[in-house]
Amino acid sequence: MNSIFDPQTRTEIISRINSLSANSQAQWGKMNVYQMLKHCTLCEEMYLGKTQHKRAFMGYIFGRIGLKNLMKDEKPIGRNAPTGQAFKVQERSGDVEAEKATWASLIAEYSNYNKEDFMHWFFGPMTKEQVGIFVYKHSDHHLRQFGA
């Protein structure tokens, strides 16, 4: 399966990020391109350990099942997947180019990722391998959302 820890995969993701513009339109969902970019930078900051978020109550009940389903094959994340409240971006506009650069630089940081375990706000404990696969799937999901 694709993983953000693979150098070629990171290069592909960064190239797809750079292909976005302020005029990119969503093919599904409620976010505009700025909101999606900001959402993804907030998520990368969490995956990289720069921010931490309290575990959601529903995650204790359904988190492990959800993670298992996501990890079982290369199938992409489905359209209109739920988003945690902390990752919902309310502001409707901002500097798209700056957000692209921030997201791309955060993706590049996975070349130095050294955490063997990670606590996801919904899924709970994740291995480094699971983080690599999930970060790729999440990035791919939003890039596909905007045709990139």
C-alpha atoms as a PDB file:
ATOM      1  CA  MET A   1       0.000   0.000   0.000  1.00  0.00           C
ATOM      2  CA  ASN A   2       1.070   3.573  -0.562  1.00  0.00           C
ATOM      3  CA  SER A   3       2.696   5.278   2.404  1.00  0.00           C
ATOM      4  CA  ILE A   4       3.720   8.867   3.016  1.00  0.00           C
ATOM      5  CA  PHE A   5       7.053   7.488   4.207  1.00  0.00           C
ATOM      6  CA  ASP A   6       7.946   6.463   0.639  1.00  0.00           C
ATOM      7  CA  PRO A   7       9.991   9.274  -1.005  1.00  0.00           C
ATOM      8  CA  GLN A   8       8.287   8.853  -4.404  1.00  0.00           C
ATOM      9  CA  THR A   9       4.868   8.994  -2.781  1.00  0.00           C
ATOM     10  CA  ARG A  10       5.770  12.220  -0.947  1.00  0.00           C
ATOM     11  CA  THR A  11       7.004  13.735  -4.212  1.00  0.00           C
ATOM     12  CA  GLU A  12       3.742  12.762  -5.940  1.00  0.00           C
ATOM     13  CA  ILE A  13       1.623  14.270  -3.146  1.00  0.00           C
ATOM     14  CA  ILE A  14       3.617  17.516  -3.148  1.00  0.00           C
ATOM     15  CA  SER A  15       3.287  17.749  -6.938  1.00  0.00           C
ATOM     16  CA  ARG A  16      -0.481  17.277  -6.657  1.00  0.00           C
ATOM     17  CA  ILE A  17      -0.654  19.948  -3.924  1.00  0.00           C
ATOM     18  CA  ASN A  18       1.246  22.344  -6.159  1.00  0.00           C
ATOM     19  CA  SER A  19      -1.197  21.715  -9.023  1.00  0.00           C
ATOM     20  CA  LEU A  20      -4.041  23.285  -7.018  1.00  0.00           C
ATOM     21  CA  SER A  21      -5.059  26.904  -7.498  1.00  0.00           C
ATOM     22  CA  ALA A  22      -7.460  29.370  -5.924  1.00  0.00           C
ATOM     23  CA  ASN A  23      -9.860  28.431  -8.740  1.00  0.00           C
ATOM     24  CA  SER A  24      -9.842  24.684  -7.981  1.00  0.00           C
ATOM     25  CA  GLN A  25     -13.384  23.444  -7.434  1.00  0.00           C
ATOM     26  CA  ALA A  26     -14.507  20.633  -5.164  1.00  0.00           C
ATOM     27  CA  GLN A  27     -16.043  17.621  -6.849  1.00  0.00           C
ATOM     28  CA  TRP A  28     -17.809  16.765  -3.584  1.00  0.00           C
ATOM     29  CA  GLY A  29     -18.080  17.978  -0.006  1.00  0.00           C
ATOM     30  CA  LYS A  30     -18.614  21.350   1.634  1.00  0.00           C
ATOM     31  CA  MET A  31     -15.069  22.781   1.763  1.00  0.00           C
ATOM     32  CA  ASN A  32     -13.625  25.198  -0.729  1.00  0.00           C
ATOM     33  CA  VAL A  33      -9.976  24.852  -1.756  1.00  0.00           C
ATOM     34  CA  TYR A  34      -8.666  27.179   0.966  1.00  0.00           C
ATOM     35  CA  GLN A  35     -10.611  25.344   3.679  1.00  0.00           C
ATOM     36  CA  MET A  36      -9.347  21.987   2.413  1.00  0.00           C
ATOM     37  CA  LEU A  37      -5.739  23.159   2.386  1.00  0.00           C
ATOM     38  CA  LYS A  38      -6.032  24.594   5.899  1.00  0.00           C
ATOM     39  CA  HIS A  39      -7.781  21.403   7.088  1.00  0.00           C
ATOM     40  CA  CYS A  40      -4.931  19.306   5.714  1.00  0.00           C
ATOM     41  CA  THR A  41      -2.253  21.463   7.343  1.00  0.00           C
ATOM     42  CA  LEU A  42      -4.065  21.132  10.692  1.00  0.00           C
ATOM     43  CA  CYS A  43      -4.146  17.369  10.243  1.00  0.00           C
ATOM     44  CA  GLU A  44      -0.473  17.107   9.266  1.00  0.00           C
ATOM     45  CA  GLU A  45       0.483  19.119  12.353  1.00  0.00           C
ATOM     46  CA  MET A  46      -1.317  16.507  14.447  1.00  0.00           C
ATOM     47  CA  TYR A  47       0.185  13.489  12.628  1.00  0.00           C
ATOM     48  CA  LEU A  48       3.653  14.999  12.958  1.00  0.00           C
ATOM     49  CA  GLY A  49       3.157  15.481  16.703  1.00  0.00           C
ATOM     50  CA  LYS A  50       3.128  19.282  16.625  1.00  0.00           C
ATOM     51  CA  THR A  51      -0.402  19.381  18.104  1.00  0.00           C
ATOM     52  CA  GLN A  52      -2.442  16.958  20.188  1.00  0.00           C
ATOM     53  CA  HIS A  53      -6.182  16.488  20.390  1.00  0.00           C
ATOM     54  CA  LYS A  54      -8.333  14.813  22.997  1.00  0.00           C
ATOM     55  CA  ARG A  55      -9.687  11.403  22.025  1.00  0.00           C
ATOM     56  CA  ALA A  56     -13.331  11.522  20.928  1.00  0.00           C
ATOM     57  CA  PHE A  57     -15.768   9.451  22.952  1.00  0.00           C
ATOM     58  CA  MET A  58     -17.098   7.751  19.802  1.00  0.00           C
ATOM     59  CA  GLY A  59     -13.534   6.872  18.886  1.00  0.00           C
ATOM     60  CA  TYR A  60     -13.269   4.660  21.955  1.00  0.00           C
ATOM     61  CA  ILE A  61     -16.268   2.725  20.658  1.00  0.00           C
ATOM     62  CA  PHE A  62     -15.696   2.685  16.878  1.00  0.00           C
ATOM     63  CA  GLY A  63     -12.086   3.818  16.358  1.00  0.00           C
ATOM     64  CA  ARG A  64     -10.360   0.442  16.120  1.00  0.00           C
ATOM     65  CA  ILE A  65     -13.004  -0.903  13.715  1.00  0.00           C
ATOM     66  CA  GLY A  66     -12.707   2.189  11.518  1.00  0.00           C
ATOM     67  CA  LEU A  67      -8.929   1.977  11.427  1.00  0.00           C
ATOM     68  CA  LYS A  68      -9.026  -1.735  10.594  1.00  0.00           C
ATOM     69  CA  ASN A  69     -11.399  -1.054   7.690  1.00  0.00           C
ATOM     70  CA  LEU A  70      -9.155   1.712   6.339  1.00  0.00           C
ATOM     71  CA  MET A  71      -6.022  -0.437   6.567  1.00  0.00           C
ATOM     72  CA  LYS A  72      -7.395  -3.594   4.957  1.00  0.00           C
ATOM     73  CA  ASP A  73      -6.921  -2.576   1.311  1.00  0.00           C
ATOM     74  CA  GLU A  74      -5.809   0.173  -1.044  1.00  0.00           C
ATOM     75  CA  LYS A  75      -9.353   1.455  -1.496  1.00  0.00           C
ATOM     76  CA  PRO A  76      -9.424   5.257  -1.074  1.00  0.00           C
ATOM     77  CA  ILE A  77     -11.353   7.027   1.663  1.00  0.00           C
ATOM     78  CA  GLY A  78     -14.956   7.502   0.539  1.00  0.00           C
ATOM     79  CA  ARG A  79     -16.557  10.811  -0.311  1.00  0.00           C
ATOM     80  CA  ASN A  80     -18.045  12.946   2.444  1.00  0.00           C
ATOM     81  CA  ALA A  81     -16.208  11.159   5.261  1.00  0.00           C
ATOM     82  CA  PRO A  82     -16.801  12.809   8.648  1.00  0.00           C
ATOM     83  CA  THR A  83     -14.362  15.408   9.967  1.00  0.00           C
ATOM     84  CA  GLY A  84     -13.482  16.043  13.587  1.00  0.00           C
ATOM     85  CA  GLN A  85     -14.637  19.393  14.950  1.00  0.00           C
ATOM     86  CA  ALA A  86     -11.051  20.548  15.597  1.00  0.00           C
ATOM     87  CA  PHE A  87     -10.277  20.129  11.885  1.00  0.00           C
ATOM     88  CA  LYS A  88     -13.268  21.976  10.451  1.00  0.00           C
ATOM     89  CA  VAL A  89     -12.124  25.286   9.002  1.00  0.00           C
ATOM     90  CA  GLN A  90     -14.705  28.048   9.375  1.00  0.00           C
ATOM     91  CA  GLU A  91     -12.987  30.887   7.528  1.00  0.00           C
ATOM     92  CA  ARG A  92     -14.015  30.818   3.866  1.00  0.00           C
ATOM     93  CA  SER A  93     -10.993  32.555   2.376  1.00  0.00           C
ATOM     94  CA  GLY A  94      -7.282  32.997   2.881  1.00  0.00           C
ATOM     95  CA  ASP A  95      -3.937  32.766   1.134  1.00  0.00           C
ATOM     96  CA  VAL A  96      -4.171  29.609  -0.989  1.00  0.00           C
ATOM     97  CA  GLU A  97      -0.534  29.775  -2.111  1.00  0.00           C
ATOM     98  CA  ALA A  98       0.701  30.087   1.475  1.00  0.00           C
ATOM     99  CA  GLU A  99      -1.434  27.127   2.593  1.00  0.00           C
ATOM    100  CA  LYS A 100      -0.159  25.037  -0.314  1.00  0.00           C
ATOM    101  CA  ALA A 101       3.422  25.832   0.685  1.00  0.00           C
ATOM    102  CA  THR A 102       2.725  25.013   4.331  1.00  0.00           C
ATOM    103  CA  TRP A 103       1.065  21.695   3.505  1.00  0.00           C
ATOM    104  CA  ALA A 104       3.857  20.725   1.093  1.00  0.00           C
ATOM    105  CA  SER A 105       6.537  21.541   3.687  1.00  0.00           C
ATOM    106  CA  LEU A 106       4.713  19.455   6.300  1.00  0.00           C
ATOM    107  CA  ILE A 107       4.502  16.524   3.865  1.00  0.00           C
ATOM    108  CA  ALA A 108       8.268  16.821   3.309  1.00  0.00           C
ATOM    109  CA  GLU A 109       8.818  16.454   7.077  1.00  0.00           C
ATOM    110  CA  TYR A 110       7.707  12.815   6.923  1.00  0.00           C
ATOM    111  CA  SER A 111      11.202  11.989   5.650  1.00  0.00           C
ATOM    112  CA  ASN A 112      12.344  12.477   9.283  1.00  0.00           C
ATOM    113  CA  TYR A 113       9.341  10.918  11.065  1.00  0.00           C
ATOM    114  CA  ASN A 114      10.570   8.794  13.966  1.00  0.00           C
ATOM    115  CA  LYS A 115       7.520   8.102  16.128  1.00  0.00           C
ATOM    116  CA  GLU A 116       6.840   4.421  16.630  1.00  0.00           C
ATOM    117  CA  ASP A 117       3.400   5.066  18.090  1.00  0.00           C
ATOM    118  CA  PHE A 118       0.845   7.783  17.682  1.00  0.00           C
ATOM    119  CA  MET A 119      -2.504   8.593  19.333  1.00  0.00           C
ATOM    120  CA  HIS A 120      -5.184   9.600  16.810  1.00  0.00           C
ATOM    121  CA  TRP A 121      -8.130  11.646  18.090  1.00  0.00           C
ATOM    122  CA  PHE A 122     -10.610   9.057  16.737  1.00  0.00           C
ATOM    123  CA  PHE A 123      -8.771   5.835  15.840  1.00  0.00           C
ATOM    124  CA  GLY A 124      -6.657   5.722  18.995  1.00  0.00           C
ATOM    125  CA  PRO A 125      -3.175   4.178  19.024  1.00  0.00           C
ATOM    126  CA  MET A 126      -1.597   3.831  15.579  1.00  0.00           C
ATOM    127  CA  THR A 127       1.690   2.273  14.521  1.00  0.00           C
ATOM    128  CA  LYS A 128       4.126   4.163  12.329  1.00  0.00           C
ATOM    129  CA  GLU A 129       3.094   1.964   9.390  1.00  0.00           C
ATOM    130  CA  GLN A 130      -0.585   2.783   9.955  1.00  0.00           C
ATOM    131  CA  VAL A 131       0.213   6.505  10.152  1.00  0.00           C
ATOM    132  CA  GLY A 132       2.092   6.323   6.843  1.00  0.00           C
ATOM    133  CA  ILE A 133      -0.781   4.616   5.060  1.00  0.00           C
ATOM    134  CA  PHE A 134      -3.464   6.794   6.627  1.00  0.00           C
ATOM    135  CA  VAL A 135      -1.678  10.089   5.927  1.00  0.00           C
ATOM    136  CA  TYR A 136      -1.346   9.046   2.287  1.00  0.00           C
ATOM    137  CA  LYS A 137      -5.021   8.043   2.068  1.00  0.00           C
ATOM    138  CA  HIS A 138      -6.155  11.270   3.742  1.00  0.00           C
ATOM    139  CA  SER A 139      -4.013  13.441   1.467  1.00  0.00           C
ATOM    140  CA  ASP A 140      -5.111  11.504  -1.618  1.00  0.00           C
ATOM    141  CA  HIS A 141      -8.765  11.811  -0.552  1.00  0.00           C
ATOM    142  CA  HIS A 142      -8.626  15.609  -0.434  1.00  0.00           C
ATOM    143  CA  LEU A 143      -6.514  15.972  -3.549  1.00  0.00           C
ATOM    144  CA  ARG A 144      -8.996  13.797  -5.472  1.00  0.00           C
ATOM    145  CA  GLN A 145     -11.780  15.951  -3.995  1.00  0.00           C
ATOM    146  CA  PHE A 146     -10.292  18.872  -5.935  1.00  0.00           C
ATOM    147  CA  GLY A 147      -9.278  16.950  -9.050  1.00  0.00           C
ATOM    148  CA  ALA A 148      -5.551  16.927  -8.283  1.00  0.00           C
END
